[in-house]
Amino acid sequence: MTTDKDQIENIDCTEAIDKLYAYLDNEIEDTESINKLEHHLKHCHSCFTRSQLEGELTLRMKEAAKKKTSKTLRHRLRNIIDQL
């Protein structure tokens, strides 16, 4: 009798973190890669916790991007960028 664990090849934390942002942005189309990452996240508390934090940050950035930025803030940011 085979289980899901037997069928899914494990990936390590480095590979999971490397794929995390693409996963959160729904940029991974390969079902096998998605399954491997999700399997890792189910079994690795550290990576799962990081995925939750990064997911929340991504969501908040998307929400903030929908809001209109004040002219003052845009001017301040432009000055900072120009000084780089």
Protein backbone atom coordinates (compact mmCIF):
# COMPACT_ATOMS: atom_id res chain seq x y z
CA MET A 1 0.00 0.00 0.00
CA THR A 2 1.49 3.36 -1.02
CA THR A 3 0.72 6.63 0.68
CA ASP A 4 0.93 10.21 -0.53
CA LYS A 5 4.23 10.48 1.31
CA ASP A 6 5.63 7.58 -0.72
CA GLN A 7 4.49 9.13 -4.00
CA ILE A 8 5.80 12.66 -3.43
CA GLU A 9 9.53 13.27 -3.56
CA ASN A 10 10.68 15.44 -0.68
CA ILE A 11 12.33 18.79 -1.29
CA ASP A 12 14.55 20.56 1.21
CA CYS A 13 13.96 23.92 2.87
CA THR A 14 16.25 25.79 0.48
CA GLU A 15 14.32 24.59 -2.55
CA ALA A 16 11.00 25.29 -0.82
CA ILE A 17 11.98 28.88 0.00
CA ASP A 18 13.34 29.38 -3.54
CA LYS A 19 9.92 28.43 -4.95
CA LEU A 20 7.81 30.11 -2.28
CA TYR A 21 7.35 33.51 -3.91
CA ALA A 22 6.40 32.04 -7.28
CA TYR A 23 3.96 29.76 -5.46
CA LEU A 24 2.37 32.64 -3.54
CA ASP A 25 2.01 34.60 -6.79
CA ASN A 26 0.45 31.59 -8.56
CA GLU A 27 3.31 31.52 -11.05
CA ILE A 28 4.03 27.78 -10.77
CA GLU A 29 2.10 25.83 -13.39
CA ASP A 30 3.76 22.45 -12.89
CA THR A 31 1.44 20.35 -10.71
CA GLU A 32 4.29 18.13 -9.52
CA SER A 33 6.26 21.15 -8.26
CA ILE A 34 3.20 22.51 -6.49
CA ASN A 35 2.55 19.14 -4.84
CA LYS A 36 6.16 18.85 -3.68
CA LEU A 37 6.12 22.33 -2.19
CA GLU A 38 2.74 21.87 -0.50
CA HIS A 39 3.90 18.51 0.87
CA HIS A 40 7.01 20.18 2.31
CA LEU A 41 4.96 23.00 3.85
CA LYS A 42 2.67 20.46 5.52
CA HIS A 43 5.62 18.74 7.15
CA CYS A 44 8.03 21.62 7.89
CA HIS A 45 6.84 24.01 10.57
CA SER A 46 9.58 26.55 9.83
CA CYS A 47 8.79 26.83 6.11
CA PHE A 48 5.04 26.76 6.78
CA THR A 49 5.39 29.66 9.21
CA ARG A 50 7.47 31.61 6.72
CA SER A 51 4.93 30.92 3.96
CA GLN A 52 2.16 32.28 6.17
CA LEU A 53 4.13 35.46 6.90
CA GLU A 54 5.12 35.98 3.27
CA GLY A 55 1.57 35.28 2.13
CA GLU A 56 0.20 37.90 4.50
CA LEU A 57 2.82 40.44 3.39
CA THR A 58 2.03 39.76 -0.27
CA LEU A 59 -1.67 40.24 0.37
CA ARG A 60 -1.11 43.51 2.23
CA MET A 61 1.18 44.83 -0.51
CA LYS A 62 -1.44 44.04 -3.15
CA GLU A 63 -4.07 45.84 -1.09
CA ALA A 64 -1.79 48.83 -0.56
CA ALA A 65 -1.01 48.98 -4.28
CA LYS A 66 -4.70 49.61 -5.00
CA LYS A 67 -4.69 52.81 -2.94
CA LYS A 68 -3.77 56.16 -4.43
CA THR A 69 -0.50 57.55 -3.10
CA SER A 70 -0.33 61.18 -2.06
CA LYS A 71 1.69 63.62 -4.16
CA THR A 72 3.86 64.38 -1.14
CA LEU A 73 4.80 60.72 -0.66
CA ARG A 74 5.45 60.24 -4.38
CA HIS A 75 7.72 63.31 -4.36
CA ARG A 76 9.62 62.05 -1.30
CA LEU A 77 10.09 58.61 -2.85
CA ARG A 78 11.22 60.11 -6.17
CA ASN A 79 13.84 62.19 -4.29
CA ILE A 80 15.10 59.08 -2.49
CA ILE A 81 15.33 57.12 -5.74
CA ASP A 82 17.09 59.99 -7.50
CA GLN A 83 19.71 60.12 -4.75
CA LEU A 84 20.64 56.46 -5.20
